[in-house]
């Protein structure tokens, strides 16, 4: 036998009845529906007050975008950058509103780390002659290559990047990465450039006077 709708609802959790009342509150009196469904009027309003408001639901969506933007820049971006991303979906989001959401969820911009030295010139290893004398101009490709070491901070620690650049074309002709700055890093970058471009005899390879590159000449 099919039970009347009100009987079926009475046999379920109160929240089911509350949801029914909320959906039909514009059609039927709340008090009457509470009587029929055998739930208390005060219980319904307590449940309704606990529901997130439209603004709170929107704030959750804004937080999701803000957290994604924050994670993509490793926490280094400020409020304005995140606000620009948020306003692509929520153009009316104010700076103050986003600030309160960030503050509540502790999405604070991280300070930039202090400069991490990548060159150690305090050594007694042989130093090659400085042929260029700081004159970094040339009239053809593959005449002068320069090596540099930079670093990138990742969640797993520092990642070191050695690059070889052609002074004339401004192109990175070779590179290598590692989790340390040992001599092999620079050698791998130079080998990468030679392998990919096969430079002519007489190409000058210039670098700083750090210990990593100095060890190449020994």
N, C-alpha and C. Protein backbone atom coordinates (compact mmCIF):
# COMPACT_ATOMS: atom_id res chain seq x y z
N UNK A 1 0.85 -1.20 0.00
CA UNK A 1 0.00 0.00 0.00
C UNK A 1 0.88 1.24 0.00
N UNK A 2 0.60 2.19 -0.86
CA UNK A 2 1.41 3.40 -0.96
C UNK A 2 1.02 4.37 0.15
N UNK A 3 2.01 4.80 0.92
CA UNK A 3 1.74 5.70 2.04
C UNK A 3 1.60 7.13 1.54
N UNK A 4 0.78 7.95 2.22
CA UNK A 4 0.71 9.37 1.88
C UNK A 4 2.07 10.00 2.05
N UNK A 5 2.31 11.07 1.33
CA UNK A 5 3.62 11.72 1.35
C UNK A 5 4.02 12.14 2.75
N UNK A 6 3.07 12.70 3.52
CA UNK A 6 3.39 13.17 4.86
C UNK A 6 3.83 12.02 5.76
N UNK A 7 3.22 10.85 5.60
CA UNK A 7 3.59 9.68 6.41
C UNK A 7 4.99 9.21 6.06
N UNK A 8 5.30 9.22 4.75
CA UNK A 8 6.65 8.81 4.32
C UNK A 8 7.70 9.74 4.91
N UNK A 9 7.44 11.03 4.97
CA UNK A 9 8.40 11.99 5.51
C UNK A 9 8.56 11.83 7.02
N UNK A 10 7.46 11.50 7.70
CA UNK A 10 7.54 11.34 9.17
C UNK A 10 8.44 10.18 9.54
N UNK A 11 8.59 9.21 8.65
CA UNK A 11 9.41 8.04 8.93
C UNK A 11 10.89 8.27 8.64
N UNK A 12 11.24 9.48 8.17
CA UNK A 12 12.63 9.77 7.83
C UNK A 12 13.25 10.71 8.86
N UNK A 13 14.53 11.04 8.67
CA UNK A 13 15.23 11.95 9.56
C UNK A 13 14.57 13.33 9.54
N UNK A 14 14.62 14.07 10.66
CA UNK A 14 14.00 15.40 10.70
C UNK A 14 14.53 16.34 9.60
N UNK A 15 15.80 16.19 9.25
CA UNK A 15 16.39 17.08 8.24
C UNK A 15 15.66 16.96 6.90
N UNK A 16 15.16 15.75 6.61
CA UNK A 16 14.42 15.55 5.36
C UNK A 16 13.13 16.38 5.39
N UNK A 17 12.46 16.36 6.54
CA UNK A 17 11.23 17.15 6.69
C UNK A 17 11.54 18.63 6.64
N UNK A 18 12.65 19.03 7.28
CA UNK A 18 13.04 20.44 7.27
C UNK A 18 13.28 20.93 5.85
N UNK A 19 13.93 20.10 5.05
CA UNK A 19 14.21 20.47 3.66
C UNK A 19 12.91 20.62 2.87
N UNK A 20 11.96 19.73 3.14
CA UNK A 20 10.66 19.81 2.48
C UNK A 20 9.94 21.10 2.85
N UNK A 21 9.98 21.42 4.13
CA UNK A 21 9.32 22.64 4.62
C UNK A 21 9.95 23.88 3.99
N UNK A 22 11.26 23.88 3.92
CA UNK A 22 11.97 25.03 3.34
C UNK A 22 11.59 25.22 1.87
N UNK A 23 11.52 24.12 1.13
CA UNK A 23 11.22 24.20 -0.29
C UNK A 23 9.77 24.66 -0.55
N UNK A 24 8.88 24.41 0.42
CA UNK A 24 7.47 24.73 0.21
C UNK A 24 6.97 25.87 1.11
N UNK A 25 7.92 26.56 1.76
CA UNK A 25 7.51 27.62 2.70
C UNK A 25 6.82 28.79 2.02
N UNK A 26 7.04 28.93 0.70
CA UNK A 26 6.37 30.03 -0.02
C UNK A 26 4.95 29.65 -0.45
N UNK A 27 4.61 28.38 -0.23
CA UNK A 27 3.28 27.90 -0.66
C UNK A 27 2.39 27.59 0.54
N UNK A 28 2.97 26.93 1.56
CA UNK A 28 2.21 26.53 2.73
C UNK A 28 2.78 27.18 3.99
N UNK A 29 1.98 27.41 4.99
CA UNK A 29 2.46 27.96 6.27
C UNK A 29 3.44 26.99 6.94
N UNK A 30 4.52 27.53 7.46
CA UNK A 30 5.54 26.70 8.10
C UNK A 30 4.96 25.96 9.30
N UNK A 31 4.19 26.67 10.09
CA UNK A 31 3.64 26.07 11.31
C UNK A 31 2.75 24.86 10.99
N UNK A 32 1.93 25.01 9.94
CA UNK A 32 1.03 23.92 9.56
C UNK A 32 1.81 22.70 9.07
N UNK A 33 2.86 22.94 8.27
CA UNK A 33 3.68 21.82 7.77
C UNK A 33 4.40 21.12 8.90
N UNK A 34 4.85 21.88 9.89
CA UNK A 34 5.52 21.27 11.05
C UNK A 34 4.56 20.35 11.80
N UNK A 35 3.30 20.77 11.92
CA UNK A 35 2.30 19.94 12.60
C UNK A 35 2.04 18.65 11.84
N UNK A 36 1.88 18.78 10.52
CA UNK A 36 1.57 17.60 9.70
C UNK A 36 2.74 16.62 9.70
N UNK A 37 3.97 17.14 9.65
CA UNK A 37 5.16 16.28 9.56
C UNK A 37 5.71 15.91 10.94
N UNK A 38 5.04 16.42 11.98
CA UNK A 38 5.40 16.08 13.36
C UNK A 38 6.85 16.43 13.71
N UNK A 39 7.22 17.64 13.35
CA UNK A 39 8.51 18.19 13.76
C UNK A 39 8.25 19.53 14.43
N UNK A 40 9.16 19.93 15.30
CA UNK A 40 8.94 21.18 16.03
C UNK A 40 9.29 22.38 15.17
N UNK A 41 8.54 23.43 15.38
CA UNK A 41 8.79 24.67 14.64
C UNK A 41 10.14 25.25 15.00
N UNK A 42 10.49 25.22 16.30
CA UNK A 42 11.78 25.76 16.76
C UNK A 42 12.93 24.93 16.19
N UNK A 43 12.73 23.60 16.07
CA UNK A 43 13.76 22.75 15.49
C UNK A 43 14.01 23.08 14.04
N UNK A 44 12.94 23.39 13.32
CA UNK A 44 13.09 23.77 11.91
C UNK A 44 13.90 25.06 11.77
N UNK A 45 13.57 26.07 12.59
CA UNK A 45 14.28 27.36 12.47
C UNK A 45 15.72 27.27 12.96
N UNK A 46 15.97 26.41 13.95
CA UNK A 46 17.36 26.19 14.36
C UNK A 46 18.16 25.57 13.23
N UNK A 47 17.57 24.59 12.55
CA UNK A 47 18.22 23.94 11.40
C UNK A 47 18.46 24.95 10.29
N UNK A 48 17.47 25.78 10.02
CA UNK A 48 17.58 26.77 8.95
C UNK A 48 18.67 27.79 9.25
N UNK A 49 18.81 28.18 10.52
CA UNK A 49 19.84 29.17 10.90
C UNK A 49 21.25 28.61 10.75
N UNK A 50 21.37 27.28 10.84
CA UNK A 50 22.69 26.66 10.71
C UNK A 50 23.13 26.51 9.25
N UNK A 51 22.22 26.65 8.32
CA UNK A 51 22.56 26.53 6.91
C UNK A 51 23.44 27.69 6.47
N UNK A 52 24.46 27.42 5.64
CA UNK A 52 25.29 28.53 5.14
C UNK A 52 24.47 29.47 4.26
N UNK A 53 24.71 30.75 4.42
CA UNK A 53 24.00 31.74 3.61
C UNK A 53 24.53 31.75 2.18
N UNK A 54 23.85 32.46 1.33
CA UNK A 54 24.30 32.58 -0.07
C UNK A 54 25.69 33.18 -0.13
N UNK A 55 25.95 34.18 0.73
CA UNK A 55 27.27 34.82 0.75
C UNK A 55 28.34 33.84 1.23
N UNK A 56 27.99 33.03 2.24
CA UNK A 56 28.96 32.06 2.75
C UNK A 56 29.30 31.00 1.69
N UNK A 57 28.29 30.58 0.96
CA UNK A 57 28.54 29.62 -0.13
C UNK A 57 29.43 30.23 -1.21
N UNK A 58 29.20 31.50 -1.49
CA UNK A 58 30.01 32.20 -2.47
C UNK A 58 31.44 32.37 -1.96
N UNK A 59 31.57 32.64 -0.66
CA UNK A 59 32.91 32.78 -0.06
C UNK A 59 33.71 31.48 -0.18
N UNK A 60 33.03 30.35 -0.08
CA UNK A 60 33.71 29.06 -0.22
C UNK A 60 34.26 28.89 -1.64
N UNK A 61 33.50 29.36 -2.63
CA UNK A 61 33.96 29.29 -4.01
C UNK A 61 35.13 30.25 -4.24
N UNK A 62 35.05 31.43 -3.64
CA UNK A 62 36.14 32.41 -3.75
C UNK A 62 37.40 31.85 -3.10
N UNK A 63 37.24 31.21 -1.95
CA UNK A 63 38.39 30.62 -1.26
C UNK A 63 39.06 29.56 -2.12
N UNK A 64 38.28 28.76 -2.81
CA UNK A 64 38.84 27.71 -3.67
C UNK A 64 39.71 28.31 -4.75
N UNK A 65 39.25 29.41 -5.37
CA UNK A 65 40.05 30.09 -6.41
C UNK A 65 41.29 30.71 -5.80
N UNK A 66 41.12 31.37 -4.64
CA UNK A 66 42.23 32.04 -3.97
C UNK A 66 43.31 31.04 -3.56
N UNK A 67 42.89 29.89 -3.06
CA UNK A 67 43.87 28.87 -2.63
C UNK A 67 44.65 28.32 -3.82
N UNK A 68 43.95 28.13 -4.95
CA UNK A 68 44.62 27.64 -6.15
C UNK A 68 45.66 28.65 -6.63
N UNK A 69 45.28 29.93 -6.66
CA UNK A 69 46.20 30.98 -7.08
C UNK A 69 47.39 31.07 -6.13
N UNK A 70 47.12 30.94 -4.84
CA UNK A 70 48.16 31.00 -3.81
C UNK A 70 49.16 29.85 -3.97
N UNK A 71 48.63 28.65 -4.21
CA UNK A 71 49.49 27.47 -4.36
C UNK A 71 50.33 27.54 -5.63
N UNK A 72 49.74 28.07 -6.71
CA UNK A 72 50.45 28.14 -7.99
C UNK A 72 51.67 29.06 -7.91
N UNK A 73 51.62 30.09 -7.08
CA UNK A 73 52.75 31.01 -6.94
C UNK A 73 53.57 30.71 -5.69
N UNK A 74 53.35 29.50 -5.11
CA UNK A 74 54.10 29.04 -3.94
C UNK A 74 53.97 30.01 -2.77
N UNK A 75 52.84 30.68 -2.69
CA UNK A 75 52.59 31.58 -1.57
C UNK A 75 53.32 32.91 -1.65
N UNK A 76 53.98 33.18 -2.79
CA UNK A 76 54.76 34.40 -2.93
C UNK A 76 53.94 35.58 -3.45
N UNK A 77 52.74 35.32 -3.95
CA UNK A 77 51.95 36.41 -4.56
C UNK A 77 51.16 37.15 -3.49
N UNK A 78 50.89 38.41 -3.76
CA UNK A 78 50.15 39.24 -2.83
C UNK A 78 48.66 39.23 -3.10
N UNK A 79 47.96 40.07 -2.36
CA UNK A 79 46.51 40.14 -2.44
C UNK A 79 46.03 40.56 -3.83
N UNK A 80 46.71 41.51 -4.46
CA UNK A 80 46.26 42.03 -5.75
C UNK A 80 46.28 40.97 -6.84
N UNK A 81 47.31 40.13 -6.84
CA UNK A 81 47.41 39.05 -7.83
C UNK A 81 46.26 38.05 -7.65
N UNK A 82 45.98 37.67 -6.43
CA UNK A 82 44.91 36.71 -6.15
C UNK A 82 43.55 37.34 -6.47
N UNK A 83 43.41 38.64 -6.15
CA UNK A 83 42.15 39.33 -6.43
C UNK A 83 41.85 39.35 -7.93
N UNK A 84 42.88 39.53 -8.74
CA UNK A 84 42.69 39.53 -10.19
C UNK A 84 42.17 38.17 -10.66
N UNK A 85 42.69 37.09 -10.09
CA UNK A 85 42.22 35.75 -10.45
C UNK A 85 40.78 35.52 -9.99
N UNK A 86 40.48 35.98 -8.78
CA UNK A 86 39.13 35.80 -8.23
C UNK A 86 38.10 36.56 -9.06
N UNK A 87 38.45 37.78 -9.49
CA UNK A 87 37.49 38.62 -10.21
C UNK A 87 37.17 38.11 -11.61
N UNK A 88 37.92 37.13 -12.09
CA UNK A 88 37.55 36.51 -13.37
C UNK A 88 36.23 35.77 -13.24
N UNK A 89 35.95 35.23 -12.04
CA UNK A 89 34.69 34.52 -11.79
C UNK A 89 33.72 35.36 -10.94
N UNK A 90 34.28 36.20 -10.07
CA UNK A 90 33.47 37.01 -9.18
C UNK A 90 33.90 38.48 -9.31
N UNK A 91 33.46 39.15 -10.37
CA UNK A 91 33.92 40.52 -10.66
C UNK A 91 33.58 41.54 -9.58
N UNK A 92 32.59 41.25 -8.77
CA UNK A 92 32.17 42.20 -7.73
C UNK A 92 32.84 41.96 -6.38
N UNK A 93 33.74 41.00 -6.33
CA UNK A 93 34.44 40.72 -5.07
C UNK A 93 35.35 41.89 -4.71
N UNK A 94 35.17 42.44 -3.53
CA UNK A 94 35.98 43.59 -3.12
C UNK A 94 37.30 43.13 -2.52
N UNK A 95 38.23 44.06 -2.46
CA UNK A 95 39.54 43.77 -1.89
C UNK A 95 39.41 43.40 -0.40
N UNK A 96 38.52 44.14 0.28
CA UNK A 96 38.31 43.90 1.72
C UNK A 96 37.74 42.51 1.96
N UNK A 97 36.80 42.11 1.13
CA UNK A 97 36.18 40.79 1.28
C UNK A 97 37.21 39.68 1.09
N UNK A 98 38.03 39.80 0.05
CA UNK A 98 39.06 38.79 -0.18
C UNK A 98 40.08 38.77 0.94
N UNK A 99 40.42 39.95 1.46
CA UNK A 99 41.38 40.03 2.56
C UNK A 99 40.85 39.26 3.78
N UNK A 100 39.56 39.43 4.08
CA UNK A 100 38.98 38.74 5.23
C UNK A 100 38.99 37.23 5.02
N UNK A 101 38.73 36.79 3.79
CA UNK A 101 38.76 35.35 3.49
C UNK A 101 40.18 34.81 3.63
N UNK A 102 41.16 35.55 3.12
CA UNK A 102 42.56 35.14 3.24
C UNK A 102 42.98 35.06 4.70
N UNK A 103 42.62 36.10 5.45
CA UNK A 103 43.01 36.16 6.86
C UNK A 103 42.41 35.00 7.65
N UNK A 104 41.13 34.71 7.40
CA UNK A 104 40.45 33.63 8.11
C UNK A 104 41.09 32.29 7.82
N UNK A 105 41.61 32.12 6.60
CA UNK A 105 42.18 30.84 6.18
C UNK A 105 43.71 30.84 6.15
N UNK A 106 44.31 31.91 6.72
CA UNK A 106 45.76 32.02 6.88
C UNK A 106 46.52 31.88 5.57
N UNK A 107 46.01 32.51 4.52
CA UNK A 107 46.71 32.51 3.23
C UNK A 107 47.59 33.76 3.16
N UNK A 108 48.60 33.79 4.01
CA UNK A 108 49.47 34.95 4.08
C UNK A 108 50.58 34.84 3.03
N UNK A 109 50.90 35.97 2.41
CA UNK A 109 51.99 35.98 1.43
C UNK A 109 53.31 35.71 2.15
N UNK A 110 54.09 34.80 1.59
CA UNK A 110 55.39 34.47 2.18
C UNK A 110 56.42 35.50 1.75
N UNK A 111 57.31 35.84 2.65
CA UNK A 111 58.39 36.75 2.30
C UNK A 111 59.38 36.06 1.38
N UNK A 112 59.91 36.83 0.47
CA UNK A 112 60.92 36.27 -0.43
C UNK A 112 62.14 35.88 0.37
N UNK A 113 62.69 34.75 0.02
CA UNK A 113 63.88 34.26 0.73
C UNK A 113 65.09 35.12 0.41
N UNK A 114 65.97 35.15 1.36
CA UNK A 114 67.21 35.89 1.14
C UNK A 114 67.98 35.29 -0.02
N UNK A 115 68.78 36.12 -0.69
CA UNK A 115 69.58 35.66 -1.82
C UNK A 115 70.45 34.49 -1.42
N UNK A 116 70.42 33.47 -2.23
CA UNK A 116 71.24 32.28 -1.97
C UNK A 116 72.43 32.31 -2.93
N UNK A 117 73.60 32.42 -2.39
CA UNK A 117 74.80 32.54 -3.23
C UNK A 117 75.00 31.29 -4.05
N UNK A 118 75.30 31.46 -5.33
CA UNK A 118 75.57 30.31 -6.20
C UNK A 118 77.00 30.31 -6.70
N UNK A 119 77.78 31.29 -6.30
CA UNK A 119 79.17 31.35 -6.75
C UNK A 119 80.11 31.44 -5.55
N UNK A 120 81.11 30.60 -5.54
CA UNK A 120 82.12 30.63 -4.49
C UNK A 120 83.45 30.98 -5.13
N UNK A 121 83.86 32.24 -5.00
CA UNK A 121 85.12 32.68 -5.60
C UNK A 121 86.29 32.55 -4.64
N UNK A 122 86.03 32.07 -3.43
CA UNK A 122 87.08 31.94 -2.44
C UNK A 122 87.72 30.56 -2.56
N UNK A 123 88.61 30.40 -3.52
CA UNK A 123 89.26 29.12 -3.76
C UNK A 123 90.65 29.37 -4.32
N UNK A 124 91.47 28.31 -4.37
CA UNK A 124 92.83 28.40 -4.88
C UNK A 124 93.01 27.55 -6.13
N UNK A 125 91.93 27.25 -6.80
CA UNK A 125 92.01 26.44 -8.01
C UNK A 125 92.49 27.29 -9.18
N UNK A 126 93.01 26.68 -10.24
CA UNK A 126 93.49 27.44 -11.41
C UNK A 126 92.36 28.27 -12.01
N UNK A 127 92.69 29.47 -12.43
CA UNK A 127 91.71 30.38 -13.03
C UNK A 127 92.10 30.63 -14.47
N UNK A 128 91.18 30.36 -15.39
CA UNK A 128 91.46 30.58 -16.81
C UNK A 128 91.56 32.07 -17.10
N UNK A 129 92.30 32.39 -18.17
CA UNK A 129 92.47 33.80 -18.56
C UNK A 129 91.12 34.39 -18.95
N UNK A 130 90.89 35.63 -18.51
CA UNK A 130 89.65 36.32 -18.86
C UNK A 130 89.84 36.99 -20.23
N UNK A 131 89.53 36.25 -21.30
CA UNK A 131 89.77 36.72 -22.66
C UNK A 131 88.85 37.88 -23.02
N UNK A 132 87.63 37.84 -22.56
CA UNK A 132 86.64 38.85 -22.96
C UNK A 132 86.88 40.21 -22.33
N UNK A 133 87.46 40.23 -21.13
CA UNK A 133 87.68 41.50 -20.42
C UNK A 133 86.37 42.28 -20.28
N UNK A 134 85.27 41.55 -19.98
CA UNK A 134 83.94 42.14 -19.80
C UNK A 134 83.37 42.76 -21.08
N UNK A 135 83.95 42.45 -22.23
CA UNK A 135 83.41 42.95 -23.50
C UNK A 135 82.49 41.89 -24.10
N UNK A 136 81.22 41.95 -23.74
CA UNK A 136 80.28 40.92 -24.16
C UNK A 136 79.57 41.29 -25.46
N UNK A 137 80.36 41.53 -26.49
CA UNK A 137 79.79 41.81 -27.81
C UNK A 137 80.48 40.91 -28.83
N UNK A 138 79.72 40.49 -29.83
CA UNK A 138 80.26 39.65 -30.89
C UNK A 138 79.44 39.85 -32.15
N UNK A 139 79.98 39.42 -33.30
CA UNK A 139 79.30 39.67 -34.58
C UNK A 139 78.75 38.41 -35.22
N UNK A 140 78.75 37.27 -34.49
CA UNK A 140 78.26 36.02 -35.09
C UNK A 140 77.83 35.03 -34.00
N UNK A 141 76.97 34.11 -34.36
CA UNK A 141 76.55 33.08 -33.40
C UNK A 141 77.71 32.14 -33.06
N UNK A 142 77.62 31.52 -31.92
CA UNK A 142 78.58 30.50 -31.47
C UNK A 142 79.99 31.04 -31.33
N UNK A 143 80.14 32.36 -31.21
CA UNK A 143 81.47 32.92 -30.99
C UNK A 143 81.78 32.94 -29.49
N UNK A 144 80.77 33.29 -28.70
CA UNK A 144 80.96 33.35 -27.24
C UNK A 144 79.75 32.73 -26.55
N UNK A 145 80.02 31.79 -25.69
CA UNK A 145 78.99 31.22 -24.82
C UNK A 145 79.32 31.59 -23.38
N UNK A 146 78.31 31.91 -22.60
CA UNK A 146 78.53 32.23 -21.19
C UNK A 146 77.70 31.29 -20.32
N UNK A 147 78.28 30.89 -19.21
CA UNK A 147 77.60 29.98 -18.29
C UNK A 147 77.19 30.72 -17.02
N UNK A 148 76.01 30.38 -16.52
CA UNK A 148 75.54 30.98 -15.27
C UNK A 148 74.80 29.91 -14.48
N UNK A 149 74.76 30.08 -13.16
CA UNK A 149 74.03 29.17 -12.28
C UNK A 149 72.97 29.97 -11.54
N UNK A 150 71.75 29.50 -11.58
CA UNK A 150 70.68 30.11 -10.81
C UNK A 150 70.01 29.02 -9.99
N UNK A 151 69.02 29.39 -9.20
CA UNK A 151 68.39 28.41 -8.33
C UNK A 151 66.89 28.65 -8.29
N UNK A 152 66.16 27.58 -8.04
CA UNK A 152 64.71 27.63 -7.95
C UNK A 152 64.30 26.90 -6.68
N UNK A 153 63.44 27.53 -5.88
CA UNK A 153 62.98 26.85 -4.67
C UNK A 153 61.73 26.04 -4.98
N UNK A 154 61.74 24.76 -4.63
CA UNK A 154 60.59 23.88 -4.82
C UNK A 154 60.19 23.31 -3.47
N UNK A 155 59.05 22.60 -3.45
CA UNK A 155 58.59 21.98 -2.21
C UNK A 155 59.57 20.93 -1.70
N UNK A 156 60.42 20.42 -2.58
CA UNK A 156 61.38 19.40 -2.19
C UNK A 156 62.76 19.98 -1.87
N UNK A 157 62.89 21.31 -1.93
CA UNK A 157 64.17 21.95 -1.64
C UNK A 157 64.69 22.75 -2.82
N UNK A 158 65.97 23.14 -2.76
CA UNK A 158 66.57 23.95 -3.82
C UNK A 158 66.89 23.11 -5.05
N UNK A 159 66.58 23.66 -6.22
CA UNK A 159 66.93 23.04 -7.49
C UNK A 159 67.86 24.01 -8.21
N UNK A 160 69.05 23.54 -8.59
CA UNK A 160 70.04 24.40 -9.23
C UNK A 160 70.00 24.21 -10.74
N UNK A 161 70.08 25.33 -11.44
CA UNK A 161 70.00 25.33 -12.90
C UNK A 161 71.24 26.00 -13.48
N UNK A 162 71.99 25.25 -14.27
CA UNK A 162 73.14 25.80 -14.98
C UNK A 162 72.75 25.99 -16.44
N UNK A 163 72.99 27.18 -16.96
CA UNK A 163 72.62 27.46 -18.36
C UNK A 163 73.84 27.95 -19.13
N UNK A 164 73.84 27.67 -20.44
CA UNK A 164 74.86 28.17 -21.35
C UNK A 164 74.13 29.03 -22.39
N UNK A 165 74.54 30.29 -22.49
CA UNK A 165 73.84 31.24 -23.36
C UNK A 165 74.76 31.74 -24.48
N UNK A 166 74.21 31.82 -25.69
CA UNK A 166 74.95 32.39 -26.82
C UNK A 166 74.81 33.91 -26.76
N UNK A 167 75.94 34.61 -26.65
CA UNK A 167 75.92 36.06 -26.50
C UNK A 167 75.26 36.75 -27.71
N UNK A 168 75.47 36.21 -28.89
CA UNK A 168 74.97 36.86 -30.10
C UNK A 168 73.46 36.65 -30.29
N UNK A 169 73.01 35.42 -30.19
CA UNK A 169 71.59 35.12 -30.44
C UNK A 169 70.73 35.29 -29.18
N UNK A 170 71.36 35.40 -28.01
CA UNK A 170 70.65 35.48 -26.72
C UNK A 170 69.91 34.18 -26.40
N UNK A 171 70.22 33.12 -27.11
CA UNK A 171 69.55 31.85 -26.95
C UNK A 171 70.24 30.99 -25.89
N UNK A 172 69.46 30.28 -25.09
CA UNK A 172 70.01 29.30 -24.17
C UNK A 172 70.32 28.05 -24.99
N UNK A 173 71.59 27.76 -25.16
CA UNK A 173 71.99 26.66 -26.04
C UNK A 173 72.18 25.35 -25.29
N UNK A 174 72.30 25.41 -23.97
CA UNK A 174 72.46 24.20 -23.18
C UNK A 174 72.09 24.45 -21.74
N UNK A 175 71.69 23.41 -21.05
CA UNK A 175 71.32 23.56 -19.65
C UNK A 175 71.37 22.22 -18.94
N UNK A 176 71.38 22.30 -17.61
CA UNK A 176 71.34 21.10 -16.78
C UNK A 176 70.82 21.50 -15.40
N UNK A 177 70.16 20.56 -14.72
CA UNK A 177 69.64 20.82 -13.38
C UNK A 177 70.10 19.72 -12.43
N UNK A 178 70.18 20.08 -11.15
CA UNK A 178 70.56 19.10 -10.13
C UNK A 178 70.17 19.68 -8.77
N UNK A 179 70.26 18.86 -7.73
CA UNK A 179 69.94 19.34 -6.39
C UNK A 179 71.18 19.81 -5.64
N UNK A 180 72.30 19.99 -6.37
CA UNK A 180 73.53 20.50 -5.77
C UNK A 180 74.27 21.34 -6.81
N UNK A 181 75.35 22.00 -6.36
CA UNK A 181 76.12 22.87 -7.26
C UNK A 181 77.50 22.31 -7.55
N UNK A 182 77.64 21.02 -7.56
CA UNK A 182 78.95 20.45 -7.82
C UNK A 182 79.37 20.71 -9.27
N UNK A 183 80.64 20.50 -9.54
CA UNK A 183 81.22 20.79 -10.85
C UNK A 183 80.47 20.11 -11.99
N UNK A 184 79.96 18.89 -11.73
CA UNK A 184 79.29 18.13 -12.77
C UNK A 184 78.10 18.89 -13.36
N UNK A 185 77.50 19.76 -12.58
CA UNK A 185 76.35 20.52 -13.06
C UNK A 185 76.74 21.40 -14.25
N UNK A 186 77.84 22.14 -14.11
CA UNK A 186 78.31 23.01 -15.19
C UNK A 186 78.80 22.20 -16.40
N UNK A 187 79.46 21.09 -16.12
CA UNK A 187 79.96 20.24 -17.21
C UNK A 187 78.79 19.69 -18.02
N UNK A 188 77.74 19.25 -17.34
CA UNK A 188 76.57 18.72 -18.04
C UNK A 188 75.91 19.79 -18.90
N UNK A 189 75.86 21.02 -18.39
CA UNK A 189 75.25 22.11 -19.17
C UNK A 189 76.06 22.38 -20.43
N UNK A 190 77.41 22.40 -20.31
CA UNK A 190 78.28 22.65 -21.46
C UNK A 190 78.19 21.49 -22.46
N UNK A 191 78.17 20.27 -21.93
CA UNK A 191 78.04 19.11 -22.82
C UNK A 191 76.71 19.14 -23.57
N UNK A 192 75.68 19.59 -22.90
CA UNK A 192 74.37 19.71 -23.54
C UNK A 192 74.43 20.70 -24.69
N UNK A 193 75.12 21.84 -24.49
CA UNK A 193 75.23 22.85 -25.54
C UNK A 193 76.04 22.33 -26.73
N UNK A 194 77.15 21.66 -26.45
CA UNK A 194 78.00 21.12 -27.53
C UNK A 194 77.25 20.06 -28.32
N UNK A 195 76.55 19.20 -27.60
CA UNK A 195 75.82 18.11 -28.25
C UNK A 195 74.70 18.64 -29.15
N UNK A 196 74.05 19.69 -28.73
CA UNK A 196 72.90 20.20 -29.47
C UNK A 196 73.30 21.14 -30.61
N UNK A 197 74.45 21.82 -30.49
CA UNK A 197 74.79 22.86 -31.48
C UNK A 197 76.12 22.64 -32.21
N UNK A 198 76.96 21.71 -31.71
CA UNK A 198 78.21 21.40 -32.39
C UNK A 198 78.96 22.69 -32.80
N UNK A 199 79.44 23.46 -31.83
CA UNK A 199 80.05 24.75 -32.14
C UNK A 199 81.35 24.61 -32.93
N UNK A 200 81.71 25.63 -33.69
CA UNK A 200 82.96 25.56 -34.47
C UNK A 200 84.17 25.71 -33.55
N UNK A 201 85.33 25.34 -34.04
CA UNK A 201 86.57 25.47 -33.29
C UNK A 201 86.81 26.96 -33.00
N UNK A 202 87.22 27.26 -31.80
CA UNK A 202 87.50 28.64 -31.43
C UNK A 202 86.40 29.31 -30.64
N UNK A 203 85.26 28.62 -30.41
CA UNK A 203 84.19 29.19 -29.59
C UNK A 203 84.70 29.42 -28.17
N UNK A 204 84.47 30.61 -27.65
CA UNK A 204 84.92 30.97 -26.30
C UNK A 204 83.81 30.63 -25.31
N UNK A 205 84.18 29.90 -24.26
CA UNK A 205 83.24 29.58 -23.19
C UNK A 205 83.63 30.41 -21.97
N UNK A 206 82.79 31.38 -21.61
CA UNK A 206 83.08 32.28 -20.50
C UNK A 206 82.15 31.99 -19.34
N UNK A 207 82.68 32.10 -18.13
CA UNK A 207 81.86 31.89 -16.94
C UNK A 207 82.37 32.81 -15.84
N UNK A 208 81.65 32.80 -14.69
CA UNK A 208 82.16 33.54 -13.54
C UNK A 208 83.40 32.82 -13.01
N UNK A 209 83.93 33.32 -11.91
CA UNK A 209 85.17 32.75 -11.40
C UNK A 209 84.92 31.90 -10.16
N UNK A 210 83.73 31.26 -10.14
CA UNK A 210 83.38 30.42 -9.01
C UNK A 210 84.07 29.07 -9.05
N UNK A 211 84.05 28.38 -7.90
CA UNK A 211 84.76 27.12 -7.78
C UNK A 211 84.16 26.04 -8.67
N UNK A 212 82.84 26.09 -8.92
CA UNK A 212 82.22 25.04 -9.73
C UNK A 212 82.83 24.99 -11.13
N UNK A 213 82.97 26.16 -11.75
CA UNK A 213 83.48 26.21 -13.12
C UNK A 213 85.00 26.14 -13.13
N UNK A 214 85.64 26.65 -12.12
CA UNK A 214 87.09 26.60 -12.08
C UNK A 214 87.59 25.17 -12.08
N UNK A 215 86.85 24.28 -11.45
CA UNK A 215 87.28 22.89 -11.38
C UNK A 215 87.24 22.21 -12.75
N UNK A 216 86.50 22.80 -13.69
CA UNK A 216 86.44 22.21 -15.03
C UNK A 216 87.80 22.26 -15.72
N UNK A 217 88.61 23.27 -15.40
CA UNK A 217 89.85 23.46 -16.13
C UNK A 217 91.00 22.67 -15.53
N UNK A 218 90.77 22.01 -14.37
CA UNK A 218 91.86 21.28 -13.75
C UNK A 218 92.00 19.90 -14.37
